[in-house]
């Protein structure tokens, strides 16, 4: 997924900063990240970056709708995947697995009740050690 990060930030009305670009470059590879994981990764190439700077960048990017966050296993996780999907938190192995399910019925039912979801995030806690591969 090749995107112009600076242009994406500008389109959302955000100032282009090296920290925001670095966070997005780390996350663009895909997956789920805690703030500490992103900080640890960025510290390798940006030794002067602070944990609070990483969290500030994450919150700004989340508020702008560039990334999303969810709570699972006592942590806040961040991801770039914005379309509705199910995040399965594997309690036994500590992984998070994306599962593509049609969530349109859930979204429709919510809207019929006058609830307009801006960030449809479904979290399932499960045991995954016996998960089928493929």
N, C-alpha and C. Protein backbone atom coordinates (compact mmCIF):
# COMPACT_ATOMS: atom_id res chain seq x y z
N UNK A 1 0.85 -1.16 0.00
CA UNK A 1 0.00 0.00 0.00
C UNK A 1 0.90 1.23 0.00
N UNK A 2 1.03 1.82 -1.15
CA UNK A 2 1.90 3.00 -1.30
C UNK A 2 1.04 4.26 -1.19
N UNK A 3 1.27 5.06 -0.18
CA UNK A 3 0.54 6.31 -0.04
C UNK A 3 1.53 7.43 0.22
N UNK A 4 1.11 8.63 -0.14
CA UNK A 4 1.90 9.82 0.17
C UNK A 4 1.47 10.25 1.57
N UNK A 5 2.28 9.92 2.54
CA UNK A 5 1.93 10.17 3.94
C UNK A 5 1.73 11.65 4.21
N UNK A 6 2.61 12.48 3.70
CA UNK A 6 2.49 13.93 3.93
C UNK A 6 1.18 14.44 3.35
N UNK A 7 0.82 13.98 2.17
CA UNK A 7 -0.43 14.42 1.55
C UNK A 7 -1.64 13.93 2.34
N UNK A 8 -1.58 12.70 2.84
CA UNK A 8 -2.67 12.15 3.65
C UNK A 8 -2.87 12.99 4.92
N UNK A 9 -1.78 13.41 5.54
CA UNK A 9 -1.87 14.25 6.73
C UNK A 9 -2.48 15.61 6.39
N UNK A 10 -2.01 16.20 5.31
CA UNK A 10 -2.54 17.52 4.89
C UNK A 10 -4.03 17.44 4.59
N UNK A 11 -4.46 16.38 3.93
CA UNK A 11 -5.89 16.22 3.59
C UNK A 11 -6.76 16.19 4.84
N UNK A 12 -6.20 15.72 5.93
CA UNK A 12 -6.94 15.67 7.20
C UNK A 12 -6.75 16.96 8.00
N UNK A 13 -6.05 17.93 7.42
CA UNK A 13 -5.84 19.21 8.09
C UNK A 13 -4.77 19.16 9.17
N UNK A 14 -3.90 18.17 9.09
CA UNK A 14 -2.85 18.02 10.11
C UNK A 14 -1.52 18.58 9.62
N UNK A 15 -0.76 19.09 10.56
CA UNK A 15 0.60 19.51 10.28
C UNK A 15 1.45 18.26 10.01
N UNK A 16 2.30 18.35 9.03
CA UNK A 16 3.19 17.24 8.69
C UNK A 16 4.41 17.34 9.60
N UNK A 17 4.56 16.34 10.48
CA UNK A 17 5.71 16.33 11.39
C UNK A 17 6.48 15.03 11.20
N UNK A 18 7.78 15.05 11.47
CA UNK A 18 8.56 13.82 11.35
C UNK A 18 8.03 12.70 12.25
N UNK A 19 7.52 13.06 13.42
CA UNK A 19 7.02 12.05 14.35
C UNK A 19 5.78 11.36 13.79
N UNK A 20 4.85 12.13 13.23
CA UNK A 20 3.63 11.54 12.66
C UNK A 20 3.98 10.66 11.46
N UNK A 21 4.90 11.12 10.64
CA UNK A 21 5.32 10.32 9.49
C UNK A 21 5.96 9.02 9.97
N UNK A 22 6.80 9.09 10.99
CA UNK A 22 7.48 7.89 11.50
C UNK A 22 6.47 6.89 12.08
N UNK A 23 5.47 7.37 12.80
CA UNK A 23 4.45 6.49 13.37
C UNK A 23 3.68 5.80 12.24
N UNK A 24 3.28 6.54 11.24
CA UNK A 24 2.53 5.95 10.13
C UNK A 24 3.40 4.94 9.37
N UNK A 25 4.66 5.27 9.14
CA UNK A 25 5.54 4.34 8.45
C UNK A 25 5.69 3.03 9.21
N UNK A 26 5.69 3.09 10.52
CA UNK A 26 5.77 1.89 11.34
C UNK A 26 4.48 1.08 11.23
N UNK A 27 3.34 1.77 11.25
CA UNK A 27 2.05 1.09 11.26
C UNK A 27 1.59 0.62 9.89
N UNK A 28 2.10 1.24 8.84
CA UNK A 28 1.61 0.95 7.49
C UNK A 28 1.91 -0.49 7.06
N UNK A 29 2.82 -1.12 7.76
CA UNK A 29 3.15 -2.52 7.47
C UNK A 29 1.97 -3.43 7.80
N UNK A 30 1.04 -2.94 8.59
CA UNK A 30 -0.13 -3.71 8.96
C UNK A 30 0.02 -4.34 10.32
N UNK A 31 -1.10 -4.71 10.88
CA UNK A 31 -1.10 -5.36 12.18
C UNK A 31 -1.63 -4.45 13.28
N UNK A 32 -1.42 -4.89 14.49
CA UNK A 32 -1.90 -4.21 15.68
C UNK A 32 -0.71 -3.85 16.55
N UNK A 33 -0.71 -2.64 17.05
CA UNK A 33 0.44 -2.14 17.80
C UNK A 33 0.00 -1.47 19.09
N UNK A 34 0.75 -1.69 20.14
CA UNK A 34 0.57 -0.88 21.34
C UNK A 34 1.46 0.35 21.17
N UNK A 35 1.21 1.37 21.95
CA UNK A 35 2.05 2.56 21.91
C UNK A 35 3.49 2.22 22.25
N UNK A 36 3.67 1.31 23.20
CA UNK A 36 5.01 0.91 23.61
C UNK A 36 5.76 0.19 22.49
N UNK A 37 5.05 -0.62 21.71
CA UNK A 37 5.68 -1.32 20.59
C UNK A 37 6.14 -0.32 19.52
N UNK A 38 5.31 0.65 19.23
CA UNK A 38 5.68 1.67 18.24
C UNK A 38 6.87 2.47 18.76
N UNK A 39 6.81 2.85 20.03
CA UNK A 39 7.92 3.59 20.64
C UNK A 39 9.21 2.80 20.54
N UNK A 40 9.17 1.52 20.90
CA UNK A 40 10.35 0.67 20.87
C UNK A 40 10.93 0.58 19.45
N UNK A 41 10.07 0.46 18.47
CA UNK A 41 10.51 0.37 17.08
C UNK A 41 11.13 1.70 16.61
N UNK A 42 10.49 2.81 16.94
CA UNK A 42 10.99 4.12 16.51
C UNK A 42 12.28 4.51 17.22
N UNK A 43 12.44 4.05 18.45
CA UNK A 43 13.63 4.39 19.24
C UNK A 43 14.92 3.90 18.54
N UNK A 44 14.80 2.84 17.73
CA UNK A 44 15.96 2.30 17.01
C UNK A 44 16.53 3.30 16.01
N UNK A 45 15.64 4.07 15.37
CA UNK A 45 16.09 5.02 14.34
C UNK A 45 15.97 6.47 14.78
N UNK A 46 15.15 6.71 15.79
CA UNK A 46 14.93 8.07 16.31
C UNK A 46 15.21 8.07 17.81
N UNK A 47 16.47 8.02 18.22
CA UNK A 47 16.78 7.86 19.65
C UNK A 47 16.26 8.99 20.55
N UNK A 48 15.98 10.15 19.97
CA UNK A 48 15.51 11.27 20.80
C UNK A 48 13.99 11.30 20.99
N UNK A 49 13.26 10.40 20.33
CA UNK A 49 11.80 10.41 20.44
C UNK A 49 11.38 9.93 21.83
N UNK A 50 10.32 10.53 22.36
CA UNK A 50 9.84 10.16 23.68
C UNK A 50 8.54 9.37 23.56
N UNK A 51 8.24 8.63 24.61
CA UNK A 51 7.00 7.86 24.64
C UNK A 51 5.79 8.78 24.56
N UNK A 52 5.84 9.92 25.24
CA UNK A 52 4.71 10.85 25.20
C UNK A 52 4.52 11.42 23.79
N UNK A 53 5.60 11.65 23.06
CA UNK A 53 5.48 12.12 21.68
C UNK A 53 4.78 11.08 20.82
N UNK A 54 5.12 9.81 21.02
CA UNK A 54 4.47 8.73 20.26
C UNK A 54 2.99 8.70 20.58
N UNK A 55 2.63 8.76 21.86
CA UNK A 55 1.21 8.72 22.24
C UNK A 55 0.47 9.96 21.73
N UNK A 56 1.11 11.12 21.76
CA UNK A 56 0.47 12.32 21.22
C UNK A 56 0.20 12.17 19.73
N UNK A 57 1.17 11.63 19.00
CA UNK A 57 1.00 11.41 17.56
C UNK A 57 -0.13 10.40 17.32
N UNK A 58 -0.16 9.32 18.09
CA UNK A 58 -1.20 8.31 17.93
C UNK A 58 -2.59 8.90 18.17
N UNK A 59 -2.74 9.68 19.21
CA UNK A 59 -4.04 10.28 19.51
C UNK A 59 -4.46 11.26 18.42
N UNK A 60 -3.53 12.05 17.92
CA UNK A 60 -3.84 12.99 16.84
C UNK A 60 -4.27 12.25 15.58
N UNK A 61 -3.54 11.20 15.23
CA UNK A 61 -3.88 10.40 14.05
C UNK A 61 -5.22 9.70 14.22
N UNK A 62 -5.50 9.24 15.43
CA UNK A 62 -6.79 8.59 15.71
C UNK A 62 -7.93 9.60 15.59
N UNK A 63 -7.76 10.76 16.21
CA UNK A 63 -8.79 11.79 16.16
C UNK A 63 -9.08 12.26 14.73
N UNK A 64 -8.05 12.20 13.87
CA UNK A 64 -8.21 12.62 12.47
C UNK A 64 -8.79 11.51 11.60
N UNK A 65 -8.94 10.31 12.15
CA UNK A 65 -9.51 9.20 11.39
C UNK A 65 -8.52 8.50 10.47
N UNK A 66 -7.23 8.65 10.75
CA UNK A 66 -6.20 7.98 9.95
C UNK A 66 -5.93 6.58 10.49
N UNK A 67 -6.00 6.45 11.81
CA UNK A 67 -5.85 5.15 12.46
C UNK A 67 -7.02 4.97 13.42
N UNK A 68 -7.14 3.79 13.96
CA UNK A 68 -8.17 3.54 14.97
C UNK A 68 -7.54 2.81 16.15
N UNK A 69 -8.26 2.82 17.26
CA UNK A 69 -7.76 2.14 18.45
C UNK A 69 -8.88 1.32 19.07
N UNK A 70 -8.48 0.34 19.86
CA UNK A 70 -9.43 -0.45 20.62
C UNK A 70 -8.71 -1.00 21.84
N UNK A 71 -9.50 -1.37 22.84
CA UNK A 71 -8.96 -1.91 24.08
C UNK A 71 -9.10 -3.43 24.07
N UNK A 72 -8.03 -4.11 24.44
CA UNK A 72 -8.09 -5.57 24.58
C UNK A 72 -6.92 -6.02 25.45
N UNK A 73 -7.20 -6.91 26.34
CA UNK A 73 -6.16 -7.46 27.20
C UNK A 73 -5.49 -6.43 28.09
N UNK A 74 -6.24 -5.40 28.47
CA UNK A 74 -5.70 -4.38 29.35
C UNK A 74 -4.80 -3.36 28.67
N UNK A 75 -4.77 -3.37 27.34
CA UNK A 75 -3.94 -2.42 26.59
C UNK A 75 -4.78 -1.72 25.52
N UNK A 76 -4.29 -0.58 25.09
CA UNK A 76 -4.85 0.08 23.92
C UNK A 76 -4.03 -0.34 22.72
N UNK A 77 -4.72 -0.79 21.68
CA UNK A 77 -4.08 -1.23 20.45
C UNK A 77 -4.46 -0.28 19.34
N UNK A 78 -3.53 -0.06 18.42
CA UNK A 78 -3.75 0.84 17.29
C UNK A 78 -3.57 0.05 16.00
N UNK A 79 -4.37 0.41 15.00
CA UNK A 79 -4.25 -0.22 13.70
C UNK A 79 -4.65 0.78 12.62
N UNK A 80 -4.18 0.53 11.41
CA UNK A 80 -4.52 1.40 10.28
C UNK A 80 -5.73 0.91 9.51
N UNK A 81 -6.13 -0.30 9.75
CA UNK A 81 -7.27 -0.87 9.02
C UNK A 81 -8.55 -0.20 9.51
N UNK A 82 -9.17 0.58 8.65
CA UNK A 82 -10.31 1.39 9.05
C UNK A 82 -11.67 0.76 8.76
N UNK A 83 -11.74 -0.18 7.81
CA UNK A 83 -13.05 -0.76 7.50
C UNK A 83 -13.51 -1.66 8.64
N UNK A 84 -14.83 -1.77 8.83
CA UNK A 84 -15.34 -2.60 9.92
C UNK A 84 -14.88 -4.06 9.78
N UNK A 85 -14.41 -4.61 10.88
CA UNK A 85 -13.99 -6.00 10.94
C UNK A 85 -13.96 -6.42 12.41
N UNK A 86 -13.71 -7.68 12.64
CA UNK A 86 -13.67 -8.21 14.01
C UNK A 86 -12.21 -8.41 14.40
N UNK A 87 -11.85 -7.89 15.56
CA UNK A 87 -10.53 -8.14 16.14
C UNK A 87 -10.71 -9.22 17.20
N UNK A 88 -10.02 -10.34 17.01
CA UNK A 88 -10.08 -11.42 17.98
C UNK A 88 -8.82 -11.33 18.83
N UNK A 89 -9.01 -11.12 20.13
CA UNK A 89 -7.88 -11.08 21.06
C UNK A 89 -7.71 -12.49 21.62
N UNK A 90 -6.59 -13.10 21.29
CA UNK A 90 -6.29 -14.47 21.74
C UNK A 90 -5.69 -14.39 23.13
N UNK A 91 -6.52 -14.67 24.12
CA UNK A 91 -6.09 -14.54 25.51
C UNK A 91 -4.96 -15.49 25.86
N UNK A 92 -4.93 -16.66 25.25
CA UNK A 92 -3.94 -17.66 25.62
C UNK A 92 -2.56 -17.37 25.02
N UNK A 93 -2.51 -16.72 23.87
CA UNK A 93 -1.22 -16.46 23.24
C UNK A 93 -0.91 -14.97 23.08
N UNK A 94 -1.88 -14.10 23.43
CA UNK A 94 -1.65 -12.67 23.41
C UNK A 94 -1.63 -12.03 22.04
N UNK A 95 -2.05 -12.76 21.01
CA UNK A 95 -2.10 -12.21 19.65
C UNK A 95 -3.47 -11.61 19.37
N UNK A 96 -3.50 -10.78 18.31
CA UNK A 96 -4.76 -10.24 17.82
C UNK A 96 -4.87 -10.66 16.36
N UNK A 97 -6.01 -11.23 16.02
CA UNK A 97 -6.25 -11.73 14.68
C UNK A 97 -7.44 -10.98 14.08
N UNK A 98 -7.30 -10.50 12.86
CA UNK A 98 -8.41 -9.87 12.16
C UNK A 98 -9.27 -10.95 11.51
N UNK A 99 -10.57 -10.81 11.65
CA UNK A 99 -11.50 -11.72 10.99
C UNK A 99 -12.48 -10.87 10.19
N UNK A 100 -12.55 -11.15 8.90
CA UNK A 100 -13.47 -10.42 8.03
C UNK A 100 -14.85 -11.06 8.10
N UNK A 101 -15.79 -10.31 8.62
CA UNK A 101 -17.19 -10.73 8.67
C UNK A 101 -18.03 -9.57 8.16
N UNK A 102 -19.17 -9.88 7.59
CA UNK A 102 -20.07 -8.83 7.14
C UNK A 102 -20.77 -8.23 8.36
N UNK A 103 -20.41 -7.02 8.70
CA UNK A 103 -20.98 -6.35 9.87
C UNK A 103 -22.08 -5.38 9.48
N UNK A 104 -22.54 -5.46 8.23
CA UNK A 104 -23.55 -4.52 7.76
C UNK A 104 -24.88 -4.68 8.52
N UNK A 105 -25.25 -5.89 8.90
CA UNK A 105 -26.49 -6.10 9.65
C UNK A 105 -26.40 -5.43 11.02
N UNK A 106 -25.27 -5.58 11.68
CA UNK A 106 -25.06 -4.91 12.97
C UNK A 106 -25.16 -3.40 12.80
N UNK A 107 -24.47 -2.88 11.79
CA UNK A 107 -24.49 -1.44 11.53
C UNK A 107 -25.91 -0.96 11.24
N UNK A 108 -26.65 -1.72 10.44
CA UNK A 108 -28.03 -1.37 10.09
C UNK A 108 -28.91 -1.37 11.34
N UNK A 109 -28.78 -2.41 12.18
CA UNK A 109 -29.57 -2.48 13.41
C UNK A 109 -29.28 -1.31 14.35
N UNK A 110 -28.03 -0.93 14.44
CA UNK A 110 -27.68 0.23 15.27
C UNK A 110 -28.32 1.50 14.73
N UNK A 111 -28.23 1.68 13.42
CA UNK A 111 -28.77 2.90 12.80
C UNK A 111 -30.30 2.96 12.94
N UNK A 112 -30.96 1.81 12.89
CA UNK A 112 -32.42 1.78 13.09
C UNK A 112 -32.81 2.22 14.49
N UNK A 113 -31.89 2.09 15.43
CA UNK A 113 -32.13 2.52 16.81
C UNK A 113 -31.66 3.97 17.03
N UNK A 114 -31.24 4.63 15.94
CA UNK A 114 -30.79 6.01 16.05
C UNK A 114 -29.34 6.15 16.46
N UNK A 115 -28.60 5.06 16.38
CA UNK A 115 -27.18 5.07 16.74
C UNK A 115 -26.38 5.05 15.46
N UNK A 116 -25.58 6.09 15.25
CA UNK A 116 -24.77 6.16 14.03
C UNK A 116 -23.30 5.88 14.36
N UNK A 117 -22.86 4.64 14.09
CA UNK A 117 -21.47 4.30 14.44
C UNK A 117 -20.45 5.06 13.59
N UNK A 118 -19.44 5.65 14.25
CA UNK A 118 -18.35 6.29 13.51
C UNK A 118 -17.15 5.37 13.44
N UNK A 119 -17.08 4.44 14.37
CA UNK A 119 -15.94 3.51 14.43
C UNK A 119 -16.50 2.18 14.90
N UNK A 120 -16.91 1.35 13.96
CA UNK A 120 -17.48 0.06 14.31
C UNK A 120 -16.35 -0.91 14.59
N UNK A 121 -16.18 -1.25 15.86
CA UNK A 121 -15.08 -2.10 16.28
C UNK A 121 -15.63 -3.22 17.14
N UNK A 122 -15.48 -4.45 16.69
CA UNK A 122 -15.96 -5.60 17.43
C UNK A 122 -14.74 -6.35 17.96
N UNK A 123 -14.73 -6.58 19.26
CA UNK A 123 -13.62 -7.28 19.91
C UNK A 123 -14.15 -8.59 20.46
N UNK A 124 -13.49 -9.67 20.12
CA UNK A 124 -13.86 -10.99 20.62
C UNK A 124 -12.67 -11.52 21.42
N UNK A 125 -12.92 -11.94 22.64
CA UNK A 125 -11.89 -12.58 23.45
C UNK A 125 -12.03 -14.09 23.24
N UNK A 126 -10.93 -14.76 22.95
CA UNK A 126 -11.01 -16.17 22.62
C UNK A 126 -9.73 -16.91 22.98
N UNK A 127 -9.83 -18.23 22.96
CA UNK A 127 -8.66 -19.09 23.06
C UNK A 127 -8.31 -19.48 21.63
N UNK A 128 -7.09 -19.24 21.22
CA UNK A 128 -6.72 -19.43 19.82
C UNK A 128 -5.66 -20.50 19.58
N UNK A 129 -5.17 -21.13 20.64
CA UNK A 129 -4.07 -22.07 20.47
C UNK A 129 -4.45 -23.24 19.55
N UNK A 130 -5.73 -23.51 19.41
CA UNK A 130 -6.17 -24.60 18.53
C UNK A 130 -6.69 -24.07 17.20
N UNK A 131 -6.40 -22.81 16.92
CA UNK A 131 -6.90 -22.17 15.71
C UNK A 131 -6.43 -22.91 14.46
N UNK A 132 -7.35 -23.08 13.53
CA UNK A 132 -7.01 -23.71 12.26
C UNK A 132 -6.19 -22.74 11.42
N UNK A 133 -5.13 -23.21 10.84
CA UNK A 133 -4.28 -22.39 9.98
C UNK A 133 -4.83 -22.42 8.57
N UNK A 134 -4.66 -21.26 7.86
CA UNK A 134 -5.09 -21.21 6.47
C UNK A 134 -6.51 -20.87 6.40
